[in-house]
Amino acid sequence: MIRFSKYWFVYLTISVVVIGAGFISFVNYGYKYSIDFTGGSEAVYEVNSSIDKVTKKSVEEVVKQEKAELVSMDLRGNTLTIRASGINEKNEKNIKSTFDKKFGVRLTLLKFNEVGPTVAEDMIKKTLTAVVIGAFIILAYIFYAFKRITFAISAVLAMIHDVLVVLGTYSIMSHFFGAQLDTLFVTAILTTMSFSVHDTIVIFDKIREYKKTMPHVDLSELADRAVSSTMIRSLNNSLTIFFMLVALVVLGGESIRFFGAALLIGTITGAYSSPFVATPIMLGIEKIISSKKK
């Protein structure tokens, strides 16, 4: 048996560094939001010829001719993505025609999305509501299952830890790799919340089992036994998901690559937080309660 609880300061340092880096990125760079949250139009084209002459300024001029405003453009490989406010399907056809005549660039429309500002605002509210409701349901469920508020609080705090890790690292990805915060990212966050609690429940259940058979053994030792006995199982379970997500990130299309990356980060931090965040937090809270009783 490894005394994992002795190294709580190491786990705390790792979490502070990772979350701190994400927080700095969020403050300085924020996110690149998709039209799901900002409203507007997004047109994705396949470029069938050289696009050397095309610059952001030239694209802005073309969009302006259609009485619209360019939000951003992104050229990756042979795919050009234009995000703008005030574009409809008629404008989009005119833009494509102008590109062909002005730059000699042939564009093939792959995808066209249009989201109104009211829908975008409603999406933000629903996203925040889903996260809060999910956290309260998980808190209530774990308290009901284990009849210990310390287990429930530590599990939810570990879950918040995982969400912060994903939010922070996605901000870094957004700045350096152009990842957009969209509805797929919301799905990744909710999945991370679920996966975070999954292994935590297994460990806590093992602690409860050991507590019944060894009632006089110190809680920290029971926790170390529980983590040691479930580590291989949790690791194998996480690796099966890890390999699948790596394949999705490497081989997946542009539209789901960052979604796979967010899920991959959530899987890693979820597997880490159960033994090294939730369990130490639970032991710390129990220790504080015990010292107050004495």
C-alpha atoms as a PDB file:
ATOM      1  CA  MET A   1       0.000   0.000   0.000  1.00  0.00           C
ATOM      2  CA  ILE A   2       1.285   3.457  -0.938  1.00  0.00           C
ATOM      3  CA  ARG A   3       0.632   6.313   1.483  1.00  0.00           C
ATOM      4  CA  PHE A   4      -0.789   8.675  -1.123  1.00  0.00           C
ATOM      5  CA  SER A   5      -2.217  11.036   1.499  1.00  0.00           C
ATOM      6  CA  LYS A   6       1.296  12.033   2.624  1.00  0.00           C
ATOM      7  CA  TYR A   7       1.935  13.879  -0.634  1.00  0.00           C
ATOM      8  CA  TRP A   8      -1.097  16.172  -0.601  1.00  0.00           C
ATOM      9  CA  PHE A   9       1.136  19.247  -0.990  1.00  0.00           C
ATOM     10  CA  VAL A  10       2.485  17.895  -4.301  1.00  0.00           C
ATOM     11  CA  TYR A  11      -1.065  17.432  -5.624  1.00  0.00           C
ATOM     12  CA  LEU A  12      -1.970  20.942  -4.451  1.00  0.00           C
ATOM     13  CA  THR A  13       1.056  22.422  -6.229  1.00  0.00           C
ATOM     14  CA  ILE A  14       0.222  20.658  -9.514  1.00  0.00           C
ATOM     15  CA  SER A  15      -3.389  21.866  -9.392  1.00  0.00           C
ATOM     16  CA  VAL A  16      -2.415  25.450  -8.548  1.00  0.00           C
ATOM     17  CA  VAL A  17       0.128  25.586 -11.402  1.00  0.00           C
ATOM     18  CA  VAL A  18      -2.275  24.146 -14.018  1.00  0.00           C
ATOM     19  CA  ILE A  19      -5.309  26.198 -12.952  1.00  0.00           C
ATOM     20  CA  GLY A  20      -3.119  29.288 -12.485  1.00  0.00           C
ATOM     21  CA  ALA A  21      -1.739  29.028 -16.036  1.00  0.00           C
ATOM     22  CA  GLY A  22      -5.271  28.686 -17.393  1.00  0.00           C
ATOM     23  CA  PHE A  23      -6.467  31.654 -15.332  1.00  0.00           C
ATOM     24  CA  ILE A  24      -3.632  33.854 -16.630  1.00  0.00           C
ATOM     25  CA  SER A  25      -4.514  32.839 -20.190  1.00  0.00           C
ATOM     26  CA  PHE A  26      -8.194  33.581 -19.585  1.00  0.00           C
ATOM     27  CA  VAL A  27      -7.470  37.046 -18.147  1.00  0.00           C
ATOM     28  CA  ASN A  28      -5.046  37.987 -20.931  1.00  0.00           C
ATOM     29  CA  TYR A  29      -6.575  36.273 -23.957  1.00  0.00           C
ATOM     30  CA  GLY A  30     -10.081  35.040 -23.062  1.00  0.00           C
ATOM     31  CA  TYR A  31     -11.748  32.817 -25.689  1.00  0.00           C
ATOM     32  CA  LYS A  32     -12.601  32.876 -29.348  1.00  0.00           C
ATOM     33  CA  TYR A  33     -16.382  32.432 -29.268  1.00  0.00           C
ATOM     34  CA  SER A  34     -18.323  30.701 -31.992  1.00  0.00           C
ATOM     35  CA  ILE A  35     -21.552  32.153 -33.380  1.00  0.00           C
ATOM     36  CA  ASP A  36     -23.410  29.875 -30.933  1.00  0.00           C
ATOM     37  CA  PHE A  37     -22.582  32.453 -28.245  1.00  0.00           C
ATOM     38  CA  THR A  38     -22.046  35.686 -30.176  1.00  0.00           C
ATOM     39  CA  GLY A  39     -24.726  35.470 -32.848  1.00  0.00           C
ATOM     40  CA  GLY A  40     -24.025  36.165 -36.513  1.00  0.00           C
ATOM     41  CA  SER A  41     -23.186  34.025 -39.517  1.00  0.00           C
ATOM     42  CA  GLU A  42     -20.427  31.567 -40.272  1.00  0.00           C
ATOM     43  CA  ALA A  43     -19.489  30.350 -43.735  1.00  0.00           C
ATOM     44  CA  VAL A  44     -16.941  27.565 -44.215  1.00  0.00           C
ATOM     45  CA  TYR A  45     -15.469  27.169 -47.691  1.00  0.00           C
ATOM     46  CA  GLU A  46     -13.175  24.737 -49.392  1.00  0.00           C
ATOM     47  CA  VAL A  47     -10.516  26.630 -51.360  1.00  0.00           C
ATOM     48  CA  ASN A  48      -9.992  25.116 -54.817  1.00  0.00           C
ATOM     49  CA  SER A  49      -7.100  27.344 -55.913  1.00  0.00           C
ATOM     50  CA  SER A  50      -4.259  29.522 -54.602  1.00  0.00           C
ATOM     51  CA  ILE A  51      -5.297  32.012 -51.935  1.00  0.00           C
ATOM     52  CA  ASP A  52      -2.021  33.969 -51.617  1.00  0.00           C
ATOM     53  CA  LYS A  53      -3.682  37.253 -52.662  1.00  0.00           C
ATOM     54  CA  VAL A  54      -6.387  37.043 -50.022  1.00  0.00           C
ATOM     55  CA  THR A  55      -5.781  38.959 -46.786  1.00  0.00           C
ATOM     56  CA  LYS A  56      -8.013  39.816 -43.871  1.00  0.00           C
ATOM     57  CA  LYS A  57      -8.300  43.390 -45.159  1.00  0.00           C
ATOM     58  CA  SER A  58      -9.411  42.245 -48.614  1.00  0.00           C
ATOM     59  CA  VAL A  59     -11.986  39.864 -47.105  1.00  0.00           C
ATOM     60  CA  GLU A  60     -13.239  42.698 -44.895  1.00  0.00           C
ATOM     61  CA  GLU A  61     -13.757  44.892 -47.977  1.00  0.00           C
ATOM     62  CA  VAL A  62     -15.715  42.163 -49.774  1.00  0.00           C
ATOM     63  CA  VAL A  63     -17.944  41.562 -46.729  1.00  0.00           C
ATOM     64  CA  LYS A  64     -18.442  45.317 -46.307  1.00  0.00           C
ATOM     65  CA  GLN A  65     -19.795  45.540 -49.864  1.00  0.00           C
ATOM     66  CA  GLU A  66     -22.642  43.313 -48.680  1.00  0.00           C
ATOM     67  CA  LYS A  67     -23.376  45.739 -45.808  1.00  0.00           C
ATOM     68  CA  ALA A  68     -22.079  43.238 -43.272  1.00  0.00           C
ATOM     69  CA  GLU A  69     -19.277  43.346 -40.702  1.00  0.00           C
ATOM     70  CA  LEU A  70     -16.417  40.832 -40.590  1.00  0.00           C
ATOM     71  CA  VAL A  71     -15.912  39.285 -37.147  1.00  0.00           C
ATOM     72  CA  SER A  72     -13.009  36.990 -37.997  1.00  0.00           C
ATOM     73  CA  MET A  73     -11.484  34.884 -40.743  1.00  0.00           C
ATOM     74  CA  ASP A  74      -9.420  31.743 -40.408  1.00  0.00           C
ATOM     75  CA  LEU A  75      -7.482  30.015 -43.183  1.00  0.00           C
ATOM     76  CA  ARG A  76      -6.226  26.509 -42.447  1.00  0.00           C
ATOM     77  CA  GLY A  77      -4.934  24.305 -45.217  1.00  0.00           C
ATOM     78  CA  ASN A  78      -7.546  24.466 -47.968  1.00  0.00           C
ATOM     79  CA  THR A  79     -10.400  25.589 -45.671  1.00  0.00           C
ATOM     80  CA  LEU A  80     -11.458  29.229 -45.263  1.00  0.00           C
ATOM     81  CA  THR A  81     -13.828  30.160 -42.419  1.00  0.00           C
ATOM     82  CA  ILE A  82     -15.508  33.565 -42.418  1.00  0.00           C
ATOM     83  CA  ARG A  83     -17.515  34.779 -39.427  1.00  0.00           C
ATOM     84  CA  ALA A  84     -19.539  37.952 -39.835  1.00  0.00           C
ATOM     85  CA  SER A  85     -22.640  39.731 -38.582  1.00  0.00           C
ATOM     86  CA  GLY A  86     -25.382  40.676 -41.032  1.00  0.00           C
ATOM     87  CA  ILE A  87     -24.791  38.010 -43.700  1.00  0.00           C
ATOM     88  CA  ASN A  88     -27.620  35.973 -45.169  1.00  0.00           C
ATOM     89  CA  GLU A  89     -27.615  33.288 -47.840  1.00  0.00           C
ATOM     90  CA  LYS A  90     -27.947  35.841 -50.649  1.00  0.00           C
ATOM     91  CA  ASN A  91     -24.949  37.826 -49.365  1.00  0.00           C
ATOM     92  CA  GLU A  92     -22.953  34.612 -49.065  1.00  0.00           C
ATOM     93  CA  LYS A  93     -23.480  33.819 -52.782  1.00  0.00           C
ATOM     94  CA  ASN A  94     -22.380  37.336 -53.719  1.00  0.00           C
ATOM     95  CA  ILE A  95     -19.237  36.993 -51.599  1.00  0.00           C
ATOM     96  CA  LYS A  96     -18.356  33.720 -53.303  1.00  0.00           C
ATOM     97  CA  SER A  97     -18.880  35.302 -56.715  1.00  0.00           C
ATOM     98  CA  THR A  98     -16.731  38.321 -55.794  1.00  0.00           C
ATOM     99  CA  PHE A  99     -13.867  36.077 -54.653  1.00  0.00           C
ATOM    100  CA  ASP A 100     -13.934  34.323 -57.995  1.00  0.00           C
ATOM    101  CA  LYS A 101     -13.919  37.569 -60.030  1.00  0.00           C
ATOM    102  CA  LYS A 102     -11.611  39.707 -57.858  1.00  0.00           C
ATOM    103  CA  PHE A 103      -9.037  37.193 -56.664  1.00  0.00           C
ATOM    104  CA  GLY A 104      -9.463  34.319 -59.092  1.00  0.00           C
ATOM    105  CA  VAL A 105     -10.200  32.089 -56.088  1.00  0.00           C
ATOM    106  CA  ARG A 106     -12.888  29.447 -56.394  1.00  0.00           C
ATOM    107  CA  LEU A 107     -14.762  28.723 -53.170  1.00  0.00           C
ATOM    108  CA  THR A 108     -17.002  25.741 -52.501  1.00  0.00           C
ATOM    109  CA  LEU A 109     -19.428  26.254 -49.611  1.00  0.00           C
ATOM    110  CA  LEU A 110     -19.104  23.460 -47.036  1.00  0.00           C
ATOM    111  CA  LYS A 111     -21.242  24.866 -44.249  1.00  0.00           C
ATOM    112  CA  PHE A 112     -23.334  27.949 -43.551  1.00  0.00           C
ATOM    113  CA  ASN A 113     -24.741  28.698 -40.094  1.00  0.00           C
ATOM    114  CA  GLU A 114     -26.755  31.690 -38.929  1.00  0.00           C
ATOM    115  CA  VAL A 115     -27.594  32.401 -35.274  1.00  0.00           C
ATOM    116  CA  GLY A 116     -29.547  35.422 -34.038  1.00  0.00           C
ATOM    117  CA  PRO A 117     -28.417  37.418 -30.959  1.00  0.00           C
ATOM    118  CA  THR A 118     -31.481  36.297 -28.962  1.00  0.00           C
ATOM    119  CA  VAL A 119     -30.655  32.628 -29.569  1.00  0.00           C
ATOM    120  CA  ALA A 120     -27.019  33.236 -28.568  1.00  0.00           C
ATOM    121  CA  GLU A 121     -28.053  34.930 -25.297  1.00  0.00           C
ATOM    122  CA  ASP A 122     -30.454  32.088 -24.537  1.00  0.00           C
ATOM    123  CA  MET A 123     -27.653  29.581 -25.199  1.00  0.00           C
ATOM    124  CA  ILE A 124     -25.407  31.233 -22.584  1.00  0.00           C
ATOM    125  CA  LYS A 125     -28.172  31.167 -19.959  1.00  0.00           C
ATOM    126  CA  LYS A 126     -28.979  27.519 -20.648  1.00  0.00           C
ATOM    127  CA  THR A 127     -25.300  26.559 -20.484  1.00  0.00           C
ATOM    128  CA  LEU A 128     -24.776  28.170 -17.068  1.00  0.00           C
ATOM    129  CA  THR A 129     -28.050  26.705 -15.811  1.00  0.00           C
ATOM    130  CA  ALA A 130     -27.054  23.202 -16.939  1.00  0.00           C
ATOM    131  CA  VAL A 131     -23.692  23.412 -15.140  1.00  0.00           C
ATOM    132  CA  VAL A 132     -25.235  24.678 -11.869  1.00  0.00           C
ATOM    133  CA  ILE A 133     -28.083  22.131 -11.913  1.00  0.00           C
ATOM    134  CA  GLY A 134     -25.632  19.324 -12.676  1.00  0.00           C
ATOM    135  CA  ALA A 135     -23.424  20.308  -9.726  1.00  0.00           C
ATOM    136  CA  PHE A 136     -26.379  20.396  -7.285  1.00  0.00           C
ATOM    137  CA  ILE A 137     -27.740  17.046  -8.487  1.00  0.00           C
ATOM    138  CA  ILE A 138     -24.328  15.407  -8.060  1.00  0.00           C
ATOM    139  CA  LEU A 139     -23.988  16.967  -4.586  1.00  0.00           C
ATOM    140  CA  ALA A 140     -27.419  15.662  -3.549  1.00  0.00           C
ATOM    141  CA  TYR A 141     -26.835  12.205  -5.023  1.00  0.00           C
ATOM    142  CA  ILE A 142     -23.484  11.615  -3.308  1.00  0.00           C
ATOM    143  CA  PHE A 143     -24.861  12.863   0.024  1.00  0.00           C
ATOM    144  CA  TYR A 144     -27.827  10.496  -0.343  1.00  0.00           C
ATOM    145  CA  ALA A 145     -25.625   7.552  -1.357  1.00  0.00           C
ATOM    146  CA  PHE A 146     -22.973   7.922   1.346  1.00  0.00           C
ATOM    147  CA  LYS A 147     -24.883   9.837   4.050  1.00  0.00           C
ATOM    148  CA  ARG A 148     -21.765  11.999   4.600  1.00  0.00           C
ATOM    149  CA  ILE A 149     -21.741  15.649   3.601  1.00  0.00           C
ATOM    150  CA  THR A 150     -17.921  15.652   3.565  1.00  0.00           C
ATOM    151  CA  PHE A 151     -17.934  13.093   0.741  1.00  0.00           C
ATOM    152  CA  ALA A 152     -20.421  15.156  -1.247  1.00  0.00           C
ATOM    153  CA  ILE A 153     -18.578  18.457  -0.768  1.00  0.00           C
ATOM    154  CA  SER A 154     -15.160  17.007  -1.672  1.00  0.00           C
ATOM    155  CA  ALA A 155     -16.561  15.320  -4.797  1.00  0.00           C
ATOM    156  CA  VAL A 156     -18.152  18.563  -6.005  1.00  0.00           C
ATOM    157  CA  LEU A 157     -14.989  20.576  -5.242  1.00  0.00           C
ATOM    158  CA  ALA A 158     -12.940  18.059  -7.243  1.00  0.00           C
ATOM    159  CA  MET A 159     -15.471  18.376 -10.058  1.00  0.00           C
ATOM    160  CA  ILE A 160     -15.124  22.180  -9.988  1.00  0.00           C
ATOM    161  CA  HIS A 161     -11.332  21.660 -10.076  1.00  0.00           C
ATOM    162  CA  ASP A 162     -11.695  19.608 -13.279  1.00  0.00           C
ATOM    163  CA  VAL A 163     -13.999  22.167 -14.893  1.00  0.00           C
ATOM    164  CA  LEU A 164     -11.493  24.943 -14.111  1.00  0.00           C
ATOM    165  CA  VAL A 165      -8.675  22.896 -15.642  1.00  0.00           C
ATOM    166  CA  VAL A 166     -10.642  22.350 -18.864  1.00  0.00           C
ATOM    167  CA  LEU A 167     -11.745  26.006 -19.016  1.00  0.00           C
ATOM    168  CA  GLY A 168      -8.191  27.257 -18.499  1.00  0.00           C
ATOM    169  CA  THR A 169      -6.462  24.917 -20.919  1.00  0.00           C
ATOM    170  CA  TYR A 170      -9.124  25.592 -23.551  1.00  0.00           C
ATOM    171  CA  SER A 171      -8.359  29.299 -23.265  1.00  0.00           C
ATOM    172  CA  ILE A 172      -4.714  28.477 -24.055  1.00  0.00           C
ATOM    173  CA  MET A 173      -5.851  26.344 -27.011  1.00  0.00           C
ATOM    174  CA  SER A 174      -8.141  29.142 -28.155  1.00  0.00           C
ATOM    175  CA  HIS A 175      -5.304  31.677 -28.205  1.00  0.00           C
ATOM    176  CA  PHE A 176      -2.544  29.551 -29.721  1.00  0.00           C
ATOM    177  CA  PHE A 177      -4.504  27.125 -31.920  1.00  0.00           C
ATOM    178  CA  GLY A 178      -7.714  29.028 -32.705  1.00  0.00           C
ATOM    179  CA  ALA A 179     -10.135  26.757 -30.808  1.00  0.00           C
ATOM    180  CA  GLN A 180     -13.616  28.274 -30.616  1.00  0.00           C
ATOM    181  CA  LEU A 181     -15.874  28.027 -27.599  1.00  0.00           C
ATOM    182  CA  ASP A 182     -19.088  26.485 -28.946  1.00  0.00           C
ATOM    183  CA  THR A 183     -21.906  24.110 -27.965  1.00  0.00           C
ATOM    184  CA  LEU A 184     -19.614  21.097 -28.394  1.00  0.00           C
ATOM    185  CA  PHE A 185     -17.362  22.578 -25.701  1.00  0.00           C
ATOM    186  CA  VAL A 186     -20.392  22.786 -23.398  1.00  0.00           C
ATOM    187  CA  THR A 187     -20.948  19.062 -24.046  1.00  0.00           C
ATOM    188  CA  ALA A 188     -17.294  18.428 -23.155  1.00  0.00           C
ATOM    189  CA  ILE A 189     -17.679  20.347 -19.870  1.00  0.00           C
ATOM    190  CA  LEU A 190     -20.798  18.400 -18.835  1.00  0.00           C
ATOM    191  CA  THR A 191     -19.103  15.104 -19.784  1.00  0.00           C
ATOM    192  CA  THR A 192     -16.060  16.098 -17.700  1.00  0.00           C
ATOM    193  CA  MET A 193     -18.315  16.768 -14.721  1.00  0.00           C
ATOM    194  CA  SER A 194     -19.770  13.273 -15.039  1.00  0.00           C
ATOM    195  CA  PHE A 195     -16.425  11.548 -15.544  1.00  0.00           C
ATOM    196  CA  SER A 196     -14.884  13.446 -12.632  1.00  0.00           C
ATOM    197  CA  VAL A 197     -17.377  12.012 -10.149  1.00  0.00           C
ATOM    198  CA  HIS A 198     -17.283   8.487 -11.616  1.00  0.00           C
ATOM    199  CA  ASP A 199     -13.944   7.361 -10.097  1.00  0.00           C
ATOM    200  CA  THR A 200     -14.509   9.444  -6.960  1.00  0.00           C
ATOM    201  CA  ILE A 201     -17.617   7.402  -6.142  1.00  0.00           C
ATOM    202  CA  VAL A 202     -15.639   4.166  -6.598  1.00  0.00           C
ATOM    203  CA  ILE A 203     -12.945   5.334  -4.154  1.00  0.00           C
ATOM    204  CA  PHE A 204     -15.439   6.630  -1.592  1.00  0.00           C
ATOM    205  CA  ASP A 205     -17.410   3.392  -1.796  1.00  0.00           C
ATOM    206  CA  LYS A 206     -14.214   1.459  -1.071  1.00  0.00           C
ATOM    207  CA  ILE A 207     -13.482   3.713   1.905  1.00  0.00           C
ATOM    208  CA  ARG A 208     -16.965   3.041   3.270  1.00  0.00           C
ATOM    209  CA  GLU A 209     -16.432  -0.704   2.802  1.00  0.00           C
ATOM    210  CA  TYR A 210     -13.095  -0.629   4.663  1.00  0.00           C
ATOM    211  CA  LYS A 211     -14.639   1.516   7.414  1.00  0.00           C
ATOM    212  CA  LYS A 212     -17.165  -1.231   8.150  1.00  0.00           C
ATOM    213  CA  THR A 213     -14.552  -3.999   8.317  1.00  0.00           C
ATOM    214  CA  MET A 214     -11.827  -1.907  10.038  1.00  0.00           C
ATOM    215  CA  PRO A 215     -13.669   0.674  12.163  1.00  0.00           C
ATOM    216  CA  HIS A 216     -10.674   1.507  14.370  1.00  0.00           C
ATOM    217  CA  VAL A 217      -8.191   2.171  11.564  1.00  0.00           C
ATOM    218  CA  ASP A 218      -7.339   5.810  10.832  1.00  0.00           C
ATOM    219  CA  LEU A 219      -9.370   7.341   7.984  1.00  0.00           C
ATOM    220  CA  SER A 220      -6.253   8.432   6.062  1.00  0.00           C
ATOM    221  CA  GLU A 221      -4.990   4.845   6.017  1.00  0.00           C
ATOM    222  CA  LEU A 222      -8.374   3.616   4.811  1.00  0.00           C
ATOM    223  CA  ALA A 223      -8.272   6.219   2.052  1.00  0.00           C
ATOM    224  CA  ASP A 224      -4.788   5.111   1.013  1.00  0.00           C
ATOM    225  CA  ARG A 225      -5.955   1.510   0.913  1.00  0.00           C
ATOM    226  CA  ALA A 226      -8.964   2.495  -1.192  1.00  0.00           C
ATOM    227  CA  VAL A 227      -6.868   4.482  -3.668  1.00  0.00           C
ATOM    228  CA  SER A 228      -4.279   1.690  -3.932  1.00  0.00           C
ATOM    229  CA  SER A 229      -6.906  -0.995  -4.543  1.00  0.00           C
ATOM    230  CA  THR A 230      -8.786   0.989  -7.202  1.00  0.00           C
ATOM    231  CA  MET A 231      -5.823   2.637  -8.973  1.00  0.00           C
ATOM    232  CA  ILE A 232      -5.210  -0.055 -11.610  1.00  0.00           C
ATOM    233  CA  ARG A 233      -8.923  -0.377 -12.381  1.00  0.00           C
ATOM    234  CA  SER A 234      -9.339   3.378 -12.769  1.00  0.00           C
ATOM    235  CA  LEU A 235      -6.181   3.666 -14.863  1.00  0.00           C
ATOM    236  CA  ASN A 236      -7.264   0.910 -17.258  1.00  0.00           C
ATOM    237  CA  ASN A 237     -10.704   2.463 -17.571  1.00  0.00           C
ATOM    238  CA  SER A 238      -9.234   5.895 -18.316  1.00  0.00           C
ATOM    239  CA  LEU A 239      -6.735   4.552 -20.852  1.00  0.00           C
ATOM    240  CA  THR A 240      -9.469   3.004 -23.006  1.00  0.00           C
ATOM    241  CA  ILE A 241     -11.107   6.426 -23.266  1.00  0.00           C
ATOM    242  CA  PHE A 242      -7.732   8.169 -23.630  1.00  0.00           C
ATOM    243  CA  PHE A 243      -6.669   6.162 -26.702  1.00  0.00           C
ATOM    244  CA  MET A 244     -10.012   6.703 -28.416  1.00  0.00           C
ATOM    245  CA  LEU A 245      -9.858  10.462 -27.837  1.00  0.00           C
ATOM    246  CA  VAL A 246      -6.246  10.699 -29.034  1.00  0.00           C
ATOM    247  CA  ALA A 247      -7.347   9.046 -32.290  1.00  0.00           C
ATOM    248  CA  LEU A 248     -10.239  11.530 -32.519  1.00  0.00           C
ATOM    249  CA  VAL A 249      -7.909  14.512 -32.028  1.00  0.00           C
ATOM    250  CA  VAL A 250      -5.289  13.268 -34.499  1.00  0.00           C
ATOM    251  CA  LEU A 251      -7.576  11.876 -37.193  1.00  0.00           C
ATOM    252  CA  GLY A 252     -10.828  13.766 -36.612  1.00  0.00           C
ATOM    253  CA  GLY A 253     -12.095  16.561 -38.795  1.00  0.00           C
ATOM    254  CA  GLU A 254     -11.666  20.255 -38.046  1.00  0.00           C
ATOM    255  CA  SER A 255     -15.169  20.559 -36.579  1.00  0.00           C
ATOM    256  CA  ILE A 256     -14.674  17.921 -33.836  1.00  0.00           C
ATOM    257  CA  ARG A 257     -10.909  18.054 -33.239  1.00  0.00           C
ATOM    258  CA  PHE A 258     -11.071  20.647 -30.456  1.00  0.00           C
ATOM    259  CA  PHE A 259     -14.107  18.912 -28.982  1.00  0.00           C
ATOM    260  CA  GLY A 260     -12.010  15.746 -28.746  1.00  0.00           C
ATOM    261  CA  ALA A 261      -9.143  17.744 -27.229  1.00  0.00           C
ATOM    262  CA  ALA A 262     -11.430  19.208 -24.548  1.00  0.00           C
ATOM    263  CA  LEU A 263     -12.754  15.729 -23.724  1.00  0.00           C
ATOM    264  CA  LEU A 264      -9.180  14.412 -23.601  1.00  0.00           C
ATOM    265  CA  ILE A 265      -8.174  17.085 -21.089  1.00  0.00           C
ATOM    266  CA  GLY A 266     -11.333  16.363 -19.072  1.00  0.00           C
ATOM    267  CA  THR A 267     -10.558  12.634 -19.047  1.00  0.00           C
ATOM    268  CA  ILE A 268      -7.005  13.182 -17.813  1.00  0.00           C
ATOM    269  CA  THR A 269      -7.929  15.668 -15.100  1.00  0.00           C
ATOM    270  CA  GLY A 270     -10.958  13.551 -14.090  1.00  0.00           C
ATOM    271  CA  ALA A 271      -8.799  10.463 -13.619  1.00  0.00           C
ATOM    272  CA  TYR A 272      -6.261  12.549 -11.669  1.00  0.00           C
ATOM    273  CA  SER A 273      -8.676  14.423  -9.412  1.00  0.00           C
ATOM    274  CA  SER A 274     -10.472  11.428  -7.913  1.00  0.00           C
ATOM    275  CA  PRO A 275      -7.486  10.033  -5.970  1.00  0.00           C
ATOM    276  CA  PHE A 276      -5.369  13.207  -5.744  1.00  0.00           C
ATOM    277  CA  VAL A 277      -7.909  16.011  -5.284  1.00  0.00           C
ATOM    278  CA  ALA A 278     -11.230  14.651  -4.000  1.00  0.00           C
ATOM    279  CA  THR A 279      -9.690  12.226  -1.491  1.00  0.00           C
ATOM    280  CA  PRO A 280      -7.222  14.733   0.079  1.00  0.00           C
ATOM    281  CA  ILE A 281     -10.001  17.350   0.303  1.00  0.00           C
ATOM    282  CA  MET A 282     -12.257  14.836   2.051  1.00  0.00           C
ATOM    283  CA  LEU A 283      -9.484  13.921   4.524  1.00  0.00           C
ATOM    284  CA  GLY A 284      -8.794  17.608   5.183  1.00  0.00           C
ATOM    285  CA  ILE A 285     -12.444  18.406   5.900  1.00  0.00           C
ATOM    286  CA  GLU A 286     -12.804  15.339   8.131  1.00  0.00           C
ATOM    287  CA  LYS A 287      -9.667  16.378  10.024  1.00  0.00           C
ATOM    288  CA  ILE A 288     -11.025  19.890  10.606  1.00  0.00           C
ATOM    289  CA  ILE A 289     -14.374  18.522  11.832  1.00  0.00           C
ATOM    290  CA  SER A 290     -12.642  16.026  14.116  1.00  0.00           C
ATOM    291  CA  SER A 291     -10.378  18.668  15.669  1.00  0.00           C
ATOM    292  CA  LYS A 292     -13.367  20.940  16.345  1.00  0.00           C
ATOM    293  CA  LYS A 293     -15.232  18.133  18.084  1.00  0.00           C
ATOM    294  CA  LYS A 294     -12.248  17.459  20.311  1.00  0.00           C
END
